[in-house]
Protein backbone atom coordinates (compact mmCIF):
# COMPACT_ATOMS: atom_id res chain seq x y z
CA MET A 1 -99.22 -39.32 4.74
CA SER A 2 -95.47 -39.00 4.23
CA ASN A 3 -92.49 -38.67 6.07
CA SER A 4 -89.93 -36.30 5.28
CA SER A 5 -87.30 -37.57 7.12
CA LYS A 6 -85.34 -40.47 5.47
CA PRO A 7 -83.77 -43.27 7.26
CA MET A 8 -79.68 -43.29 6.52
CA PHE A 9 -79.81 -47.09 6.07
CA LYS A 10 -83.44 -48.60 4.34
CA ASN A 11 -82.47 -52.16 5.28
CA ILE A 12 -80.99 -51.61 8.69
CA PRO A 13 -83.48 -50.42 11.42
CA PRO A 14 -82.04 -48.11 14.02
CA PRO A 15 -81.44 -49.40 17.24
CA GLU A 16 -84.24 -49.13 20.12
CA GLY A 17 -84.73 -45.85 22.14
CA SER A 18 -82.33 -44.07 19.39
CA LYS A 19 -83.58 -41.15 17.87
CA ALA A 20 -83.20 -41.11 14.00
CA GLY A 21 -81.05 -38.09 12.76
CA ASN A 22 -79.92 -37.20 9.21
CA ALA A 23 -76.48 -37.38 8.25
CA TYR A 24 -74.06 -34.42 7.80
CA THR A 25 -73.37 -34.34 3.79
CA ARG A 26 -70.87 -30.95 3.55
CA PHE A 27 -67.47 -29.92 4.66
CA ILE A 28 -66.86 -27.66 7.50
CA PRO A 29 -64.87 -24.62 6.27
CA ARG A 30 -62.18 -23.23 8.40
CA GLU A 31 -63.63 -19.99 9.33
CA GLU A 32 -66.37 -22.13 10.96
CA LEU A 33 -63.63 -23.74 13.40
CA GLY A 34 -62.49 -22.57 16.50
CA ASP A 35 -59.74 -23.56 18.23
CA PHE A 36 -57.97 -26.63 17.07
CA ALA A 37 -54.63 -28.61 16.93
CA ALA A 38 -53.63 -30.77 14.30
CA TRP A 39 -53.72 -34.67 15.14
CA ARG A 40 -50.18 -36.67 15.51
CA PRO A 41 -50.19 -40.14 16.11
CA ASP A 42 -47.42 -39.80 17.98
CA SER A 43 -50.25 -38.24 20.94
CA LEU A 44 -52.09 -41.29 21.56
CA PHE A 45 -49.02 -42.64 23.24
CA ASP A 46 -47.94 -39.61 24.95
CA LYS A 47 -49.49 -40.38 28.70
CA GLY A 48 -47.52 -38.06 30.25
CA ASN A 49 -48.34 -35.03 28.64
CA PRO A 50 -52.49 -35.47 27.90
CA THR A 51 -52.30 -31.60 26.66
CA ALA A 52 -49.78 -32.70 23.96
CA GLY A 53 -51.06 -32.08 20.52
CA SER A 54 -53.72 -30.04 21.70
CA ALA A 55 -51.46 -26.71 22.45
CA ALA A 56 -51.90 -23.88 19.95
CA PRO A 57 -48.95 -23.83 17.54
CA GLY A 58 -46.66 -21.20 18.03
CA ALA A 59 -47.49 -20.87 21.35
CA ALA A 60 -44.10 -20.50 23.69
CA PRO A 61 -43.36 -21.09 27.36
CA THR A 62 -43.06 -18.24 29.59
CA ALA A 63 -39.00 -17.83 31.09
CA ALA A 64 -38.85 -16.48 34.58
CA GLU A 65 -37.08 -13.11 35.16
CA PRO A 66 -33.28 -13.70 36.18
CA ASP A 67 -32.65 -12.04 39.68
CA SER A 68 -29.96 -9.64 40.11
CA ALA A 69 -27.36 -12.26 41.13
CA GLU A 70 -27.91 -13.92 37.59
CA TRP A 71 -27.54 -10.32 35.95
CA GLN A 72 -24.24 -9.91 37.92
CA ALA A 73 -22.97 -13.11 36.78
CA ARG A 74 -24.15 -12.56 32.98
CA ILE A 75 -22.62 -9.59 33.11
CA ALA A 76 -19.72 -10.66 34.85
CA ALA A 77 -18.83 -13.77 32.29
CA ALA A 78 -19.70 -10.82 29.52
CA ARG A 79 -16.82 -8.75 30.83
CA GLN A 80 -14.78 -11.84 30.78
CA ALA A 81 -15.51 -12.70 27.76
CA GLY A 82 -14.82 -9.16 25.79
CA TYR A 83 -11.78 -9.12 27.96
CA GLN A 84 -10.45 -12.45 26.50
CA ASP A 85 -11.12 -11.34 22.92
CA GLY A 86 -9.68 -7.99 23.28
CA TYR A 87 -6.37 -9.44 24.66
CA ARG A 88 -6.47 -12.05 21.88
CA ASP A 89 -6.92 -9.36 19.23
CA GLY A 90 -4.15 -7.40 20.96
CA LEU A 91 -1.69 -10.30 20.85
CA VAL A 92 -2.54 -10.59 17.10
CA ALA A 93 -2.41 -6.82 16.35
CA LEU A 94 1.10 -6.94 18.32
CA ASP A 95 2.50 -9.72 16.30
CA GLY A 96 1.64 -8.41 12.98
CA PHE A 97 3.76 -4.88 14.27
CA LYS A 98 6.73 -6.83 15.30
CA GLN A 99 6.75 -8.35 11.72
CA SER A 100 6.16 -5.11 10.24
CA TYR A 101 8.79 -3.53 12.20
CA ALA A 102 11.15 -5.89 11.77
CA THR A 103 10.57 -5.60 7.92
CA GLN A 104 10.89 -2.17 8.08
CA LEU A 105 14.26 -2.37 9.94
CA SER A 106 15.71 -5.04 7.80
CA THR A 107 14.72 -3.16 4.29
CA GLN A 108 16.34 0.01 5.88
CA LEU A 109 19.40 -1.73 7.21
CA GLY A 110 19.85 -3.55 3.64
CA GLN A 111 19.41 0.45 2.52
CA LEU A 112 22.45 1.95 4.88
CA VAL A 113 24.53 -1.22 4.01
CA LYS A 114 24.11 -0.60 0.44
CA SER A 115 24.92 2.98 0.75
CA PHE A 116 27.88 2.28 3.16
CA ASP A 117 29.35 -0.55 0.58
CA ALA A 118 28.69 2.24 -2.61
CA GLN A 119 30.70 5.17 -0.62
CA LEU A 120 33.68 2.51 0.04
CA ASP A 121 33.71 1.25 -3.58
CA ARG A 122 33.84 5.35 -4.34
CA LEU A 123 36.43 5.89 -1.82
CA ASP A 124 38.49 3.03 -2.84
CA HIS A 125 38.17 4.57 -6.33
CA GLU A 126 39.09 7.69 -5.52
CA LEU A 127 42.15 6.71 -3.30
CA ALA A 128 43.40 4.55 -6.02
CA GLY A 129 43.00 7.79 -8.77
CA SER A 130 44.94 9.65 -6.37
CA VAL A 131 47.41 6.97 -5.28
CA ALA A 132 47.98 6.29 -9.15
CA ARG A 133 48.33 10.29 -9.81
CA THR A 134 51.05 10.91 -7.13
CA ALA A 135 52.93 8.00 -8.23
CA VAL A 136 52.63 9.11 -11.96
CA GLN A 137 54.03 12.56 -10.35
CA LEU A 138 56.82 11.46 -8.66
CA ALA A 139 57.83 9.34 -11.88
CA ARG A 140 57.51 12.71 -14.48
CA GLN A 141 59.74 14.60 -11.43
CA VAL A 142 62.49 12.01 -11.27
CA LEU A 143 62.39 11.48 -14.94
CA ARG A 144 62.73 15.34 -15.40
CA SER A 145 65.52 15.58 -13.13
CA GLU A 146 67.52 12.47 -14.72
CA LEU A 147 67.36 14.28 -18.17
CA ALA A 148 68.49 17.57 -16.56
CA SER A 149 71.43 15.88 -14.62
CA ASP A 150 72.22 13.20 -17.47
CA PRO A 151 71.51 14.92 -21.19
CA ALA A 152 73.50 12.35 -22.67
CA LEU A 153 70.30 9.90 -21.92
CA ILE A 154 68.98 10.85 -25.16
CA ALA A 155 71.74 9.10 -27.37
CA LYS A 156 70.84 5.75 -25.74
CA VAL A 157 66.93 6.77 -26.98
CA ALA A 158 67.82 7.62 -30.17
CA ASP A 159 69.87 4.45 -30.78
CA GLU A 160 66.91 2.13 -29.65
CA ALA A 161 64.43 4.74 -31.71
CA ILE A 162 66.66 3.84 -34.68
CA ASN A 163 66.82 0.16 -34.24
CA ALA A 164 63.22 -0.32 -34.18
CA VAL A 165 62.61 0.98 -37.84
CA LEU A 166 62.94 -1.72 -40.33
CA LEU A 167 65.85 -2.69 -41.89
CA SER A 168 64.12 -2.31 -45.40
CA ALA A 169 63.47 1.25 -44.69
CA ARG A 170 65.33 4.12 -46.60
CA HIS A 171 65.48 7.53 -46.33
CA ILE A 172 65.44 7.43 -42.43
CA SER A 173 65.71 11.12 -40.89
CA VAL A 174 66.18 11.44 -36.97
CA HIS A 175 64.59 14.59 -35.57
CA VAL A 176 65.64 15.62 -32.12
CA HIS A 177 65.98 18.75 -29.92
CA PRO A 178 68.00 21.29 -30.99
CA LEU A 179 69.63 21.27 -27.99
CA ASP A 180 69.77 17.50 -28.02
CA LEU A 181 71.71 17.32 -31.51
CA PRO A 182 75.30 17.20 -30.57
CA LEU A 183 74.31 14.93 -27.81
CA VAL A 184 72.69 12.45 -30.06
CA ALA A 185 75.52 12.91 -32.90
CA ALA A 186 78.13 11.77 -30.52
CA GLY A 187 76.37 8.89 -28.78
CA ALA A 188 74.39 7.43 -31.51
CA ALA A 189 76.94 8.16 -34.41
CA GLU A 190 77.61 4.53 -35.33
CA ALA A 191 73.62 3.75 -35.32
CA LEU A 192 73.46 6.95 -37.89
CA GLN A 193 75.96 5.83 -39.82
CA ALA A 194 75.02 2.24 -40.09
CA ARG A 195 71.57 2.93 -41.27
CA GLY A 196 72.32 5.88 -43.25
CA ALA A 197 70.16 7.72 -41.24
CA ARG A 198 70.45 11.96 -41.26
CA LEU A 199 70.09 13.62 -37.95
CA LEU A 200 67.97 17.06 -37.83
CA ALA A 201 67.18 19.57 -35.78
CA HIS A 202 63.06 19.96 -34.83
CA ALA A 203 62.19 22.80 -32.42
CA GLY A 204 58.73 20.42 -32.00
CA VAL A 205 60.19 17.70 -30.61
CA GLU A 206 60.79 17.96 -26.29
CA ARG A 207 63.89 17.53 -24.87
CA GLY A 208 64.89 13.64 -24.30
CA GLY A 209 62.60 12.72 -27.29
CA VAL A 210 63.33 11.26 -30.99
CA LEU A 211 60.80 11.35 -33.70
CA VAL A 212 62.52 8.98 -36.68
CA GLU A 213 60.46 9.16 -39.85
CA SER A 214 61.48 6.64 -42.99
CA ASP A 215 59.40 5.57 -46.42
CA ALA A 216 58.83 2.47 -44.20
CA GLY A 217 56.94 4.22 -41.30
CA ALA A 218 57.70 6.37 -38.58
CA VAL A 219 58.77 5.96 -34.78
CA ASP A 220 57.53 8.35 -32.50
CA ALA A 221 60.10 8.27 -29.41
CA ARG A 222 58.77 11.58 -27.96
CA ILE A 223 58.66 12.31 -24.57
CA GLY A 224 55.19 13.18 -24.27
CA ILE A 225 54.05 9.99 -26.21
CA ARG A 226 55.92 7.74 -24.34
CA TRP A 227 55.09 9.23 -20.98
CA ALA A 228 50.93 9.46 -22.05
CA LYS A 229 51.05 5.60 -22.80
CA ALA A 230 53.18 4.84 -19.82
CA ALA A 231 50.41 7.13 -17.80
CA ALA A 232 47.40 5.66 -19.31
CA VAL A 233 48.52 2.07 -17.99
CA LEU A 234 48.84 3.42 -14.12
CA GLY A 235 44.88 4.75 -15.41
CA THR A 236 45.61 8.43 -15.15
CA ASN A 237 45.92 11.32 -18.01
CA GLU A 238 48.60 13.32 -16.54
CA ALA A 239 50.48 15.32 -19.39
CA TRP A 240 54.22 15.35 -19.46
CA ASP A 241 54.42 18.85 -19.94
CA ALA A 242 52.03 19.61 -16.71
CA PRO A 243 53.77 21.69 -14.03
CA ASP A 244 54.94 19.60 -10.83
CA ALA A 245 52.72 20.30 -7.98
CA THR A 246 55.83 19.57 -5.69
CA GLY A 247 57.68 22.11 -7.70
CA ALA A 248 55.15 25.03 -7.74
CA GLU A 249 55.70 24.82 -3.88
CA ASP A 250 58.97 24.78 -4.01
CA ASP A 251 58.72 27.80 -5.63
CA THR A 252 56.61 29.61 -3.53
CA GLU A 253 58.53 28.53 -0.25
CA VAL A 254 61.55 30.20 -2.28
CA GLU A 255 59.56 33.26 -2.83
CA ALA A 256 58.56 33.46 0.29
CA GLY A 257 62.11 33.23 1.86
CA ALA A 258 63.19 35.68 -0.76
CA ASP A 259 60.91 38.17 0.48
CA ALA A 260 61.35 37.12 3.95
CA ASP A 261 65.39 37.94 3.24
CA ALA A 262 64.70 41.16 1.69
CA ASP A 263 62.28 42.29 4.36
CA ALA A 264 65.42 41.43 6.97
CA ASP A 265 67.84 43.46 4.92
CA GLU A 266 65.82 46.57 4.74
CA ASP A 267 65.21 46.17 8.62
CA GLN A 268 68.98 45.81 8.97
CA GLU A 269 69.41 48.90 6.81
CA SER A 270 66.87 50.89 8.90
CA GLY A 271 68.75 50.30 12.43
CA THR A 272 72.03 50.87 10.44
């Protein structure tokens, strides 16, 4: 008679009173397992928590619901934190606005100062030009008066112009205004004779001017040319033959006075 059960160990008999059992010869699949927990070595020494190591992973303890006072404290803390954040952000924004405003203001002030400087420079330039024109006009008026009151000055101009010609020059001719011809002939006769120059009347030469021509060159001492050079030094282009503003005003005043006298004479005659 054969026995289907075989002892686990052939050479070692089972203890007395024990039942022989079959050895479990396969691994247990995960699907056949129920609740389990991973074993950790420290669970052997965790005597204060006997359930340590046996709790299911991912299980979180249930927190108690806060009461009304705690809710109020949380709201107050959140409000205070929001106020602090807003106050800090407001200060940052205010500083940024101050910086941008200061930059904008400094830029505008700089542009204003530049514009003011440019206007001052333009005003100085215009004022200098006006002063120069006034000085030139006054000098022209004085010179015209001198030439009109003392025509003999042309003789001195002719003498200087003749002496300015090179000594080696020949065929010298002196051109003056027809009205200045006798004055030059009388006042510069010695210079004309010394250089063998001829004195000629020229209607194209203004009164007070002299034009000396020779084979070695010419000396242009006409009043208009000399006046243009002097005016250019002062930074103006006032021509010699331009009318005087003061003279025009004087003429207007004279005409107005003549008209007033004529009206007064007419009134007197009508009254008579």
